[in-house]
Amino acid sequence: MLDRPKVGLDQVKTAEKGLIWALMHDPASGAAAVAELERDDLIGLATQPILEQARALQDWPADALPHTLLERLSSMEARLVEDIGRQTHAPGPPHDCVKAIKRMRYTRERAAVQREIDRLQEDGAATHESEIVALWDRKKTLLQLIAES
């Protein structure tokens, strides 16, 4: 197994905590919410390996999910999940957590598109006009997705 950097509870966003809490306390709801996430939604999240493992367990019975998830995590990841699970109330509703995580992804993608637009414009907008137009269209789509999430 690859060495993963240590993740502290303070590095985990509220939306991540909400999904993990739901996986431990309301596994059916948590699993349904995690199923709404795409692999790209998880990129850069402190809990990416945990949520990827939860996505991989979609076919497991809900009542077995918390225990099975903990078994499949590294000891450090399992401790983080247990710490989040010890909280007395949900950090947020699972569906809202999914929306927040998707919004973070769209915001990251929008920033990357803007950087590429800037680079192409510096390189000579006239020679990259069709690429810039396509990127602007993508940026508009991402802005719409951000507004809807």
N, C-alpha and C. Protein backbone atom coordinates (compact mmCIF):
# COMPACT_ATOMS: atom_id res chain seq x y z
N MET A 1 0.84 -1.17 0.00
CA MET A 1 0.00 0.00 0.00
C MET A 1 0.89 1.24 0.00
N LEU A 2 0.45 2.26 -0.73
CA LEU A 2 1.21 3.49 -0.78
C LEU A 2 1.11 4.25 0.54
N ASP A 3 2.18 4.92 0.88
CA ASP A 3 2.13 5.77 2.07
C ASP A 3 1.28 6.98 1.75
N ARG A 4 0.32 7.25 2.60
CA ARG A 4 -0.55 8.41 2.41
C ARG A 4 -0.20 9.44 3.47
N PRO A 5 -0.28 10.71 3.09
CA PRO A 5 0.01 11.73 4.10
C PRO A 5 -1.02 11.69 5.22
N LYS A 6 -0.58 12.01 6.41
CA LYS A 6 -1.47 12.03 7.57
C LYS A 6 -2.46 13.18 7.41
N VAL A 7 -3.72 12.87 7.65
CA VAL A 7 -4.78 13.86 7.52
C VAL A 7 -5.37 14.09 8.90
N GLY A 8 -5.39 15.34 9.32
CA GLY A 8 -6.00 15.69 10.59
C GLY A 8 -7.44 16.11 10.40
N LEU A 9 -8.21 15.98 11.46
CA LEU A 9 -9.62 16.34 11.41
C LEU A 9 -9.81 17.79 10.97
N ASP A 10 -8.86 18.65 11.32
CA ASP A 10 -8.97 20.06 10.95
C ASP A 10 -8.77 20.29 9.45
N GLN A 11 -8.24 19.32 8.73
CA GLN A 11 -8.04 19.44 7.29
C GLN A 11 -9.25 18.95 6.49
N VAL A 12 -10.20 18.36 7.17
CA VAL A 12 -11.37 17.78 6.51
C VAL A 12 -12.49 18.81 6.48
N LYS A 13 -13.00 19.05 5.29
CA LYS A 13 -14.08 20.01 5.12
C LYS A 13 -15.39 19.47 5.71
N THR A 14 -16.26 20.37 6.10
CA THR A 14 -17.53 20.00 6.71
C THR A 14 -18.32 19.04 5.83
N ALA A 15 -18.31 19.27 4.52
CA ALA A 15 -19.06 18.40 3.60
C ALA A 15 -18.51 16.97 3.65
N GLU A 16 -17.20 16.82 3.75
CA GLU A 16 -16.60 15.49 3.85
C GLU A 16 -17.02 14.83 5.17
N LYS A 17 -16.96 15.61 6.24
CA LYS A 17 -17.35 15.08 7.55
C LYS A 17 -18.81 14.63 7.53
N GLY A 18 -19.66 15.41 6.88
CA GLY A 18 -21.08 15.07 6.83
C GLY A 18 -21.33 13.74 6.13
N LEU A 19 -20.62 13.49 5.04
CA LEU A 19 -20.79 12.22 4.33
C LEU A 19 -20.27 11.06 5.16
N ILE A 20 -19.12 11.25 5.77
CA ILE A 20 -18.54 10.17 6.58
C ILE A 20 -19.42 9.90 7.80
N TRP A 21 -19.91 10.95 8.43
CA TRP A 21 -20.80 10.77 9.58
C TRP A 21 -22.04 9.98 9.16
N ALA A 22 -22.60 10.32 8.01
CA ALA A 22 -23.79 9.60 7.52
C ALA A 22 -23.45 8.14 7.23
N LEU A 23 -22.28 7.86 6.69
CA LEU A 23 -21.89 6.48 6.43
C LEU A 23 -21.85 5.66 7.72
N MET A 24 -21.50 6.29 8.81
CA MET A 24 -21.39 5.60 10.09
C MET A 24 -22.73 5.51 10.83
N HIS A 25 -23.57 6.54 10.72
CA HIS A 25 -24.80 6.60 11.52
C HIS A 25 -26.07 6.30 10.73
N ASP A 26 -26.05 6.58 9.45
CA ASP A 26 -27.20 6.33 8.58
C ASP A 26 -26.65 5.80 7.26
N PRO A 27 -26.13 4.56 7.29
CA PRO A 27 -25.39 4.04 6.13
C PRO A 27 -26.17 4.04 4.82
N ALA A 28 -27.46 3.80 4.87
CA ALA A 28 -28.24 3.79 3.63
C ALA A 28 -28.24 5.18 2.99
N SER A 29 -28.48 6.19 3.81
CA SER A 29 -28.48 7.57 3.32
C SER A 29 -27.08 8.00 2.89
N GLY A 30 -26.08 7.62 3.69
CA GLY A 30 -24.70 7.96 3.36
C GLY A 30 -24.25 7.31 2.07
N ALA A 31 -24.58 6.04 1.89
CA ALA A 31 -24.20 5.33 0.67
C ALA A 31 -24.89 5.91 -0.55
N ALA A 32 -26.16 6.27 -0.39
CA ALA A 32 -26.89 6.89 -1.51
C ALA A 32 -26.26 8.22 -1.90
N ALA A 33 -25.85 8.99 -0.91
CA ALA A 33 -25.21 10.27 -1.19
C ALA A 33 -23.86 10.07 -1.87
N VAL A 34 -23.05 9.16 -1.35
CA VAL A 34 -21.73 8.90 -1.92
C VAL A 34 -21.87 8.40 -3.36
N ALA A 35 -22.93 7.67 -3.65
CA ALA A 35 -23.16 7.17 -5.01
C ALA A 35 -23.38 8.30 -6.01
N GLU A 36 -23.81 9.47 -5.53
CA GLU A 36 -24.01 10.62 -6.40
C GLU A 36 -22.68 11.27 -6.82
N LEU A 37 -21.62 10.95 -6.11
CA LEU A 37 -20.33 11.55 -6.41
C LEU A 37 -19.64 10.81 -7.55
N GLU A 38 -18.93 11.57 -8.36
CA GLU A 38 -18.10 11.01 -9.41
C GLU A 38 -16.66 11.03 -8.91
N ARG A 39 -15.84 10.21 -9.53
CA ARG A 39 -14.42 10.13 -9.14
C ARG A 39 -13.76 11.51 -9.13
N ASP A 40 -14.06 12.33 -10.15
CA ASP A 40 -13.45 13.67 -10.23
C ASP A 40 -13.89 14.59 -9.10
N ASP A 41 -15.05 14.32 -8.51
CA ASP A 41 -15.51 15.14 -7.38
C ASP A 41 -14.58 14.99 -6.18
N LEU A 42 -13.93 13.85 -6.08
CA LEU A 42 -13.13 13.52 -4.90
C LEU A 42 -11.69 14.03 -4.99
N ILE A 43 -11.26 14.42 -6.17
CA ILE A 43 -9.87 14.84 -6.36
C ILE A 43 -9.55 16.01 -5.43
N GLY A 44 -8.47 15.84 -4.69
CA GLY A 44 -7.99 16.91 -3.82
C GLY A 44 -8.61 16.94 -2.43
N LEU A 45 -9.60 16.09 -2.19
CA LEU A 45 -10.21 16.08 -0.86
C LEU A 45 -9.31 15.34 0.12
N ALA A 46 -9.28 15.79 1.34
CA ALA A 46 -8.47 15.14 2.38
C ALA A 46 -8.94 13.70 2.61
N THR A 47 -10.21 13.45 2.38
CA THR A 47 -10.79 12.13 2.63
C THR A 47 -10.99 11.34 1.34
N GLN A 48 -10.31 11.71 0.28
CA GLN A 48 -10.47 11.04 -1.01
C GLN A 48 -10.39 9.53 -0.90
N PRO A 49 -9.36 8.95 -0.27
CA PRO A 49 -9.30 7.48 -0.22
C PRO A 49 -10.46 6.85 0.56
N ILE A 50 -10.94 7.54 1.56
CA ILE A 50 -12.06 7.03 2.36
C ILE A 50 -13.33 7.02 1.53
N LEU A 51 -13.60 8.14 0.87
CA LEU A 51 -14.81 8.23 0.06
C LEU A 51 -14.75 7.33 -1.17
N GLU A 52 -13.56 7.14 -1.73
CA GLU A 52 -13.42 6.19 -2.84
C GLU A 52 -13.73 4.77 -2.37
N GLN A 53 -13.27 4.43 -1.19
CA GLN A 53 -13.55 3.09 -0.65
C GLN A 53 -15.06 2.95 -0.40
N ALA A 54 -15.69 3.99 0.11
CA ALA A 54 -17.13 3.95 0.35
C ALA A 54 -17.88 3.77 -0.98
N ARG A 55 -17.43 4.45 -2.02
CA ARG A 55 -18.05 4.29 -3.36
C ARG A 55 -17.90 2.85 -3.84
N ALA A 56 -16.77 2.22 -3.52
CA ALA A 56 -16.53 0.84 -3.97
C ALA A 56 -17.42 -0.16 -3.24
N LEU A 57 -18.02 0.24 -2.14
CA LEU A 57 -18.87 -0.65 -1.35
C LEU A 57 -20.36 -0.45 -1.61
N GLN A 58 -20.71 0.14 -2.73
CA GLN A 58 -22.11 0.46 -3.03
C GLN A 58 -23.04 -0.75 -3.00
N ASP A 59 -22.54 -1.92 -3.33
CA ASP A 59 -23.40 -3.11 -3.38
C ASP A 59 -23.52 -3.83 -2.05
N TRP A 60 -22.83 -3.35 -1.03
CA TRP A 60 -22.89 -4.00 0.28
C TRP A 60 -24.19 -3.61 0.99
N PRO A 61 -24.69 -4.49 1.84
CA PRO A 61 -25.88 -4.14 2.64
C PRO A 61 -25.55 -2.95 3.55
N ALA A 62 -26.50 -2.07 3.69
CA ALA A 62 -26.27 -0.84 4.46
C ALA A 62 -25.83 -1.12 5.89
N ASP A 63 -26.41 -2.14 6.52
CA ASP A 63 -26.06 -2.41 7.91
C ASP A 63 -24.62 -2.92 8.07
N ALA A 64 -24.03 -3.45 7.01
CA ALA A 64 -22.65 -3.94 7.06
C ALA A 64 -21.64 -2.88 6.62
N LEU A 65 -22.14 -1.80 6.07
CA LEU A 65 -21.25 -0.78 5.48
C LEU A 65 -20.27 -0.15 6.47
N PRO A 66 -20.70 0.32 7.63
CA PRO A 66 -19.73 0.97 8.53
C PRO A 66 -18.56 0.05 8.91
N HIS A 67 -18.88 -1.16 9.31
CA HIS A 67 -17.84 -2.10 9.73
C HIS A 67 -16.92 -2.47 8.56
N THR A 68 -17.52 -2.74 7.41
CA THR A 68 -16.74 -3.13 6.23
C THR A 68 -15.84 -1.99 5.77
N LEU A 69 -16.36 -0.78 5.78
CA LEU A 69 -15.56 0.38 5.41
C LEU A 69 -14.35 0.51 6.33
N LEU A 70 -14.57 0.44 7.62
CA LEU A 70 -13.46 0.57 8.57
C LEU A 70 -12.41 -0.52 8.36
N GLU A 71 -12.86 -1.73 8.06
CA GLU A 71 -11.93 -2.84 7.82
C GLU A 71 -11.03 -2.59 6.61
N ARG A 72 -11.54 -1.89 5.63
CA ARG A 72 -10.81 -1.71 4.37
C ARG A 72 -9.93 -0.46 4.35
N LEU A 73 -9.98 0.31 5.38
CA LEU A 73 -9.17 1.54 5.45
C LEU A 73 -7.86 1.28 6.18
N SER A 74 -6.90 2.15 5.93
CA SER A 74 -5.67 2.09 6.73
C SER A 74 -6.04 2.44 8.16
N SER A 75 -5.17 2.13 9.10
CA SER A 75 -5.48 2.42 10.51
C SER A 75 -5.65 3.92 10.73
N MET A 76 -4.86 4.73 10.04
CA MET A 76 -4.98 6.18 10.18
C MET A 76 -6.32 6.67 9.63
N GLU A 77 -6.72 6.15 8.46
CA GLU A 77 -8.01 6.53 7.87
C GLU A 77 -9.16 6.07 8.76
N ALA A 78 -9.06 4.86 9.29
CA ALA A 78 -10.11 4.34 10.17
C ALA A 78 -10.25 5.20 11.42
N ARG A 79 -9.13 5.65 11.98
CA ARG A 79 -9.19 6.54 13.17
C ARG A 79 -9.90 7.84 12.82
N LEU A 80 -9.62 8.38 11.64
CA LEU A 80 -10.26 9.62 11.23
C LEU A 80 -11.77 9.40 11.10
N VAL A 81 -12.17 8.30 10.48
CA VAL A 81 -13.60 7.99 10.34
C VAL A 81 -14.24 7.81 11.71
N GLU A 82 -13.57 7.12 12.61
CA GLU A 82 -14.10 6.94 13.96
C GLU A 82 -14.22 8.27 14.70
N ASP A 83 -13.24 9.16 14.54
CA ASP A 83 -13.31 10.48 15.16
C ASP A 83 -14.52 11.26 14.65
N ILE A 84 -14.73 11.21 13.35
CA ILE A 84 -15.88 11.91 12.77
C ILE A 84 -17.17 11.26 13.27
N GLY A 85 -17.19 9.93 13.32
CA GLY A 85 -18.37 9.20 13.77
C GLY A 85 -18.73 9.44 15.22
N ARG A 86 -17.76 9.85 16.03
CA ARG A 86 -18.03 10.13 17.45
C ARG A 86 -18.76 11.45 17.67
N GLN A 87 -18.81 12.29 16.65
CA GLN A 87 -19.54 13.55 16.80
C GLN A 87 -21.00 13.23 17.10
N THR A 88 -21.62 14.02 17.95
CA THR A 88 -22.97 13.72 18.42
C THR A 88 -24.06 14.06 17.40
N HIS A 89 -23.75 14.89 16.43
CA HIS A 89 -24.75 15.21 15.42
C HIS A 89 -24.08 15.34 14.05
N ALA A 90 -24.88 15.23 13.02
CA ALA A 90 -24.38 15.29 11.65
C ALA A 90 -23.85 16.69 11.34
N PRO A 91 -22.68 16.79 10.75
CA PRO A 91 -22.16 18.08 10.33
C PRO A 91 -23.00 18.73 9.23
N GLY A 92 -23.77 17.92 8.52
CA GLY A 92 -24.64 18.44 7.48
C GLY A 92 -25.41 17.30 6.84
N PRO A 93 -26.54 17.61 6.22
CA PRO A 93 -27.31 16.57 5.53
C PRO A 93 -26.49 16.01 4.35
N PRO A 94 -26.52 14.70 4.15
CA PRO A 94 -25.70 14.09 3.09
C PRO A 94 -25.89 14.72 1.72
N HIS A 95 -27.14 14.98 1.33
CA HIS A 95 -27.38 15.55 0.00
C HIS A 95 -26.73 16.93 -0.13
N ASP A 96 -26.82 17.74 0.92
CA ASP A 96 -26.17 19.06 0.90
C ASP A 96 -24.66 18.92 0.84
N CYS A 97 -24.12 17.89 1.49
CA CYS A 97 -22.67 17.65 1.46
C CYS A 97 -22.22 17.30 0.05
N VAL A 98 -23.01 16.49 -0.64
CA VAL A 98 -22.69 16.14 -2.03
C VAL A 98 -22.68 17.41 -2.89
N LYS A 99 -23.70 18.23 -2.72
CA LYS A 99 -23.76 19.48 -3.50
C LYS A 99 -22.53 20.36 -3.23
N ALA A 100 -22.13 20.44 -1.97
CA ALA A 100 -20.96 21.27 -1.62
C ALA A 100 -19.68 20.70 -2.25
N ILE A 101 -19.53 19.39 -2.23
CA ILE A 101 -18.34 18.76 -2.82
C ILE A 101 -18.33 18.96 -4.33
N LYS A 102 -19.47 18.84 -4.97
CA LYS A 102 -19.55 19.08 -6.41
C LYS A 102 -19.23 20.55 -6.72
N ARG A 103 -19.73 21.45 -5.89
CA ARG A 103 -19.44 22.87 -6.09
C ARG A 103 -17.94 23.14 -5.98
N MET A 104 -17.27 22.49 -5.04
CA MET A 104 -15.81 22.64 -4.93
C MET A 104 -15.13 22.16 -6.19
N ARG A 105 -15.59 21.04 -6.73
CA ARG A 105 -15.00 20.53 -7.98
C ARG A 105 -15.20 21.51 -9.12
N TYR A 106 -16.42 22.01 -9.28
CA TYR A 106 -16.69 22.94 -10.38
C TYR A 106 -15.87 24.22 -10.23
N THR A 107 -15.68 24.65 -9.00
CA THR A 107 -14.86 25.85 -8.75
C THR A 107 -13.41 25.59 -9.13
N ARG A 108 -12.88 24.42 -8.77
CA ARG A 108 -11.51 24.06 -9.18
C ARG A 108 -11.38 24.01 -10.69
N GLU A 109 -12.36 23.39 -11.35
CA GLU A 109 -12.32 23.27 -12.80
C GLU A 109 -12.43 24.65 -13.46
N ARG A 110 -13.28 25.51 -12.91
CA ARG A 110 -13.43 26.85 -13.48
C ARG A 110 -12.12 27.62 -13.39
N ALA A 111 -11.44 27.49 -12.27
CA ALA A 111 -10.14 28.16 -12.11
C ALA A 111 -9.12 27.61 -13.12
N ALA A 112 -9.12 26.31 -13.35
CA ALA A 112 -8.19 25.72 -14.31
C ALA A 112 -8.51 26.18 -15.73
N VAL A 113 -9.79 26.28 -16.06
CA VAL A 113 -10.19 26.78 -17.38
C VAL A 113 -9.74 28.23 -17.54
N GLN A 114 -9.93 29.03 -16.50
CA GLN A 114 -9.52 30.43 -16.58
C GLN A 114 -8.01 30.56 -16.76
N ARG A 115 -7.25 29.73 -16.07
CA ARG A 115 -5.79 29.75 -16.25
C ARG A 115 -5.41 29.41 -17.69
N GLU A 116 -6.10 28.44 -18.27
CA GLU A 116 -5.82 28.06 -19.65
C GLU A 116 -6.21 29.18 -20.62
N ILE A 117 -7.34 29.83 -20.37
CA ILE A 117 -7.74 30.98 -21.19
C ILE A 117 -6.67 32.06 -21.13
N ASP A 118 -6.23 32.37 -19.92
CA ASP A 118 -5.20 33.39 -19.74
C ASP A 118 -3.92 33.02 -20.48
N ARG A 119 -3.53 31.76 -20.38
CA ARG A 119 -2.31 31.30 -21.05
C ARG A 119 -2.42 31.45 -22.56
N LEU A 120 -3.56 31.03 -23.11
CA LEU A 120 -3.75 31.12 -24.56
C LEU A 120 -3.81 32.57 -25.03
N GLN A 121 -4.43 33.43 -24.22
CA GLN A 121 -4.50 34.84 -24.59
C GLN A 121 -3.11 35.48 -24.58
N GLU A 122 -2.30 35.10 -23.62
CA GLU A 122 -0.92 35.61 -23.57
C GLU A 122 -0.11 35.08 -24.74
N ASP A 123 -0.42 33.87 -25.17
CA ASP A 123 0.31 33.25 -26.28
C ASP A 123 -0.12 33.83 -27.63
N GLY A 124 -1.23 34.52 -27.66
CA GLY A 124 -1.74 35.11 -28.90
C GLY A 124 -3.16 34.68 -29.15
N ALA A 125 -4.09 35.51 -28.74
CA ALA A 125 -5.50 35.17 -28.80
C ALA A 125 -5.95 34.84 -30.22
N ALA A 126 -5.42 35.53 -31.21
CA ALA A 126 -5.85 35.31 -32.58
C ALA A 126 -5.52 33.90 -33.06
N THR A 127 -4.42 33.37 -32.63
CA THR A 127 -4.02 32.02 -33.07
C THR A 127 -4.74 30.91 -32.31
N HIS A 128 -5.39 31.26 -31.22
CA HIS A 128 -6.08 30.25 -30.39
C HIS A 128 -7.56 30.58 -30.22
N GLU A 129 -8.12 31.31 -31.18
CA GLU A 129 -9.49 31.80 -31.02
C GLU A 129 -10.51 30.67 -30.78
N SER A 130 -10.45 29.60 -31.55
CA SER A 130 -11.45 28.53 -31.39
C SER A 130 -11.28 27.83 -30.04
N GLU A 131 -10.05 27.65 -29.60
CA GLU A 131 -9.81 27.04 -28.29
C GLU A 131 -10.34 27.92 -27.17
N ILE A 132 -10.11 29.22 -27.29
CA ILE A 132 -10.57 30.16 -26.26
C ILE A 132 -12.09 30.19 -26.22
N VAL A 133 -12.73 30.17 -27.38
CA VAL A 133 -14.20 30.16 -27.42
C VAL A 133 -14.73 28.90 -26.72
N ALA A 134 -14.12 27.75 -27.01
CA ALA A 134 -14.55 26.49 -26.36
C ALA A 134 -14.34 26.57 -24.86
N LEU A 135 -13.22 27.13 -24.44
CA LEU A 135 -12.96 27.27 -23.00
C LEU A 135 -13.95 28.22 -22.35
N TRP A 136 -14.29 29.31 -23.00
CA TRP A 136 -15.28 30.24 -22.45
C TRP A 136 -16.64 29.54 -22.30
N ASP A 137 -16.98 28.70 -23.29
CA ASP A 137 -18.24 27.95 -23.18
C ASP A 137 -18.19 27.01 -21.97
N ARG A 138 -17.07 26.34 -21.80
CA ARG A 138 -16.91 25.44 -20.64
C ARG A 138 -17.00 26.23 -19.34
N LYS A 139 -16.36 27.42 -19.33
CA LYS A 139 -16.39 28.26 -18.13
C LYS A 139 -17.83 28.67 -17.81
N LYS A 140 -18.61 29.04 -18.81
CA LYS A 140 -20.01 29.42 -18.59
C LYS A 140 -20.81 28.24 -18.03
N THR A 141 -20.56 27.06 -18.58
CA THR A 141 -21.24 25.86 -18.08
C THR A 141 -20.89 25.62 -16.60
N LEU A 142 -19.61 25.75 -16.28
CA LEU A 142 -19.17 25.54 -14.90
C LEU A 142 -19.77 26.59 -13.96
N LEU A 143 -19.84 27.84 -14.42
CA LEU A 143 -20.46 28.88 -13.59
C LEU A 143 -21.94 28.56 -13.33
N GLN A 144 -22.61 28.02 -14.34
CA GLN A 144 -24.01 27.62 -14.17
C GLN A 144 -24.11 26.47 -13.16
N LEU A 145 -23.23 25.49 -13.28
CA LEU A 145 -23.24 24.37 -12.35
C LEU A 145 -22.95 24.83 -10.92
N ILE A 146 -22.04 25.77 -10.77
CA ILE A 146 -21.74 26.32 -9.44
C ILE A 146 -22.98 27.01 -8.87
N ALA A 147 -23.65 27.78 -9.69
CA ALA A 147 -24.85 28.50 -9.24
C ALA A 147 -25.97 27.54 -8.85
N GLU A 148 -26.06 26.41 -9.53
CA GLU A 148 -27.13 25.44 -9.26
C GLU A 148 -26.81 24.53 -8.07
N SER A 149 -25.55 24.45 -7.69
CA SER A 149 -25.20 23.52 -6.62
C SER A 149 -25.15 24.20 -5.27
